[in-house]
Protein backbone atom coordinates (compact mmCIF):
# COMPACT_ATOMS: atom_id res chain seq x y z
CA MET A 1 -60.59 22.78 67.97
CA HIS A 2 -60.47 20.17 70.74
CA ASP A 3 -63.06 20.57 73.53
CA ARG A 4 -60.49 21.31 76.21
CA ASN A 5 -59.06 24.28 74.36
CA HIS A 6 -61.03 27.50 74.22
CA VAL A 7 -60.10 30.72 72.51
CA LEU A 8 -62.48 33.53 73.20
CA GLY A 9 -62.22 36.99 71.82
CA THR A 10 -64.19 39.56 70.01
CA ASP A 11 -64.50 36.78 67.46
CA ALA A 12 -64.93 33.48 69.27
CA ILE A 13 -63.22 30.30 68.14
CA CYS A 14 -64.22 27.66 70.62
CA ASN A 15 -65.92 24.35 71.12
CA PRO A 16 -68.54 24.25 72.52
CA PRO A 17 -69.71 27.72 71.47
CA ARG A 18 -69.47 30.44 74.08
CA ARG A 19 -70.35 34.13 74.05
CA SER A 20 -67.89 36.34 72.28
CA GLY A 21 -66.21 39.17 74.11
CA PRO A 22 -64.84 39.97 77.53
CA PRO A 23 -66.93 39.40 80.65
CA LEU A 24 -68.01 43.01 81.10
CA VAL A 25 -71.09 44.51 82.67
CA TYR A 26 -72.68 47.70 81.41
CA LYS A 27 -71.02 50.78 82.84
CA ASN A 28 -72.51 51.51 86.28
CA ALA A 29 -74.31 48.13 86.37
CA SER A 30 -73.67 45.36 88.87
CA ASP A 31 -74.68 42.37 86.75
CA ASN A 32 -75.47 41.22 83.21
CA ALA A 33 -79.19 40.57 83.80
CA ALA A 34 -80.31 42.92 81.00
CA THR A 35 -77.86 41.46 78.48
CA MET A 36 -78.61 37.88 79.49
CA SER A 37 -82.33 38.54 79.09
CA LEU A 38 -81.89 40.28 75.73
CA TRP A 39 -79.75 37.42 74.39
CA GLY A 40 -81.94 34.68 75.89
CA PHE A 41 -78.91 33.46 77.82
CA VAL A 42 -79.56 30.65 80.27
CA PRO A 43 -76.73 30.02 82.76
CA PRO A 44 -75.29 26.51 82.64
CA ALA A 45 -76.82 23.98 85.04
CA GLY A 46 -75.02 24.16 88.36
CA CYS A 47 -73.71 27.68 87.79
CA SER A 48 -74.83 29.75 90.71
CA PRO A 49 -75.36 32.64 91.05
CA CYS A 50 -74.11 33.33 87.49
CA THR A 51 -75.63 36.79 87.22
CA THR A 52 -72.56 38.13 85.40
CA PHE A 53 -70.44 36.81 82.56
CA THR A 54 -67.53 36.93 85.03
CA ASP A 55 -69.46 34.40 87.16
CA VAL A 56 -69.98 32.17 84.13
CA LEU A 57 -66.29 32.32 83.18
CA ALA A 58 -65.22 31.54 86.77
CA TRP A 59 -67.64 28.60 86.88
CA ASP A 60 -66.36 27.30 83.54
CA ARG A 61 -62.71 27.64 84.58
CA ALA A 62 -63.41 25.84 87.89
CA LEU A 63 -65.25 23.07 86.04
CA GLN A 64 -62.43 22.65 83.52
CA PRO A 65 -59.25 23.89 85.23
CA ALA A 66 -56.94 21.93 82.93
CA SER A 67 -58.52 23.38 79.79
CA LYS A 68 -56.91 26.28 78.00
CA PHE A 69 -58.63 29.67 77.74
CA GLY A 70 -57.28 32.27 75.35
CA PHE A 71 -58.66 35.73 74.69
CA LEU A 72 -57.78 37.95 71.72
CA THR A 73 -58.68 41.63 71.87
CA TYR A 74 -57.79 45.09 70.74
CA ALA A 75 -56.76 47.42 73.56
CA GLN A 76 -59.44 49.74 72.20
CA ASP A 77 -62.45 47.81 70.91
CA THR A 78 -64.66 50.19 68.95
CA VAL A 79 -67.81 48.06 69.27
CA ILE A 80 -67.73 46.39 72.68
CA SER A 81 -66.68 49.54 74.51
CA LYS A 82 -69.60 51.45 73.00
CA ASP A 83 -72.08 48.59 73.49
CA PHE A 84 -71.31 48.45 77.22
CA GLY A 85 -71.19 52.24 77.70
CA TYR A 86 -67.42 52.69 78.01
CA THR A 87 -65.22 55.12 76.12
CA LEU A 88 -62.27 53.97 74.05
CA ALA A 89 -60.05 55.62 76.66
CA GLU A 90 -61.59 53.45 79.43
CA TYR A 91 -61.38 50.16 77.53
CA PRO A 92 -57.61 49.48 77.92
CA GLY A 93 -58.02 49.65 81.71
CA LEU A 94 -60.87 47.13 81.53
CA MET A 95 -58.71 44.76 79.49
CA SER A 96 -55.87 45.22 81.97
CA GLN A 97 -58.25 44.32 84.82
CA PHE A 98 -59.46 41.29 82.88
CA SER A 99 -55.89 40.18 82.25
CA THR A 100 -55.06 40.61 85.93
CA SER A 101 -58.12 38.53 86.87
CA LEU A 102 -56.70 35.65 84.83
CA ALA A 103 -53.21 35.85 86.37
CA SER A 104 -53.79 33.06 88.90
CA ASP A 105 -54.96 30.67 86.15
CA ALA A 106 -51.91 29.06 84.53
CA ASN A 107 -54.13 27.81 81.71
CA ALA A 108 -55.57 31.19 80.73
CA ALA A 109 -53.99 34.02 78.78
CA ILE A 110 -54.90 37.20 76.94
CA TYR A 111 -53.36 38.64 73.77
CA ILE A 112 -53.91 42.39 73.49
CA PHE A 113 -53.36 44.20 70.21
CA SER A 114 -52.51 47.80 71.03
CA ASN A 115 -51.69 48.91 67.48
CA ALA A 116 -55.19 49.87 66.35
CA GLN A 117 -58.74 50.72 67.32
CA SER A 118 -60.96 48.02 65.89
CA HIS A 119 -63.28 45.17 66.83
CA VAL A 120 -62.44 41.67 65.54
CA VAL A 121 -58.73 40.78 65.68
CA GLN A 122 -59.15 37.88 63.26
CA SER A 123 -60.72 40.16 60.63
CA ASP A 124 -57.37 41.91 60.10
CA LEU A 125 -55.46 39.34 58.06
CA SER A 126 -52.22 41.28 58.50
CA LEU A 127 -52.29 40.28 62.21
CA ALA A 128 -52.55 36.53 61.52
CA PRO A 129 -48.75 36.03 61.57
CA GLU A 130 -48.80 37.51 65.09
CA TYR A 131 -51.71 35.66 66.72
CA LEU A 132 -51.68 32.29 64.88
CA PRO A 133 -48.37 31.18 66.47
CA TRP A 134 -49.82 32.15 69.89
CA MET A 135 -52.92 30.06 69.16
CA ALA A 136 -50.75 27.16 67.98
CA LEU A 137 -48.88 27.25 71.31
CA LEU A 138 -52.24 27.11 73.12
CA VAL A 139 -53.41 24.08 71.13
CA ALA A 140 -50.04 22.35 71.50
CA ASP A 141 -50.17 22.87 75.26
CA ASP A 142 -46.75 24.52 74.99
CA PRO A 143 -45.49 25.79 78.38
CA SER A 144 -44.24 29.01 76.74
CA TRP A 145 -47.84 30.08 75.90
CA GLY A 146 -49.01 33.05 77.97
CA ASP A 147 -50.08 36.68 77.97
CA LYS A 148 -48.85 38.82 75.11
CA THR A 149 -49.20 42.36 73.83
CA TYR A 150 -48.61 43.46 70.24
CA PRO A 151 -46.65 45.40 69.24
């Protein structure tokens, strides 16, 4: 995929590589210090304060405002919700907040699959006919590309 186009989801497809998953902090935490330390994550040069993945995403979007950012997710992610201390019932609200946070960025969109509880959208081949056209619109810089929910 071309450098200026990024698709990030519970299974990342992007160039250069980025962390996979939404920019969440552990439940009741104020930053991602523990996760960043565990993963050996070093914030990009010039990214300050970059103590959360939200900070890193905001820095990246400001650095590359014309690039595309797409995020694929299940409304109820069975792995990420648990890893960050959230219940499956709380996760849809987090994804709604994340989607709302992207609303002012015309070059960012989220595709939420609400039909199942699972983890990696791309691992369910039956969903490919749904998300591949969305990804093609992203890569083609089609003005009709934007947020979507399935079904």
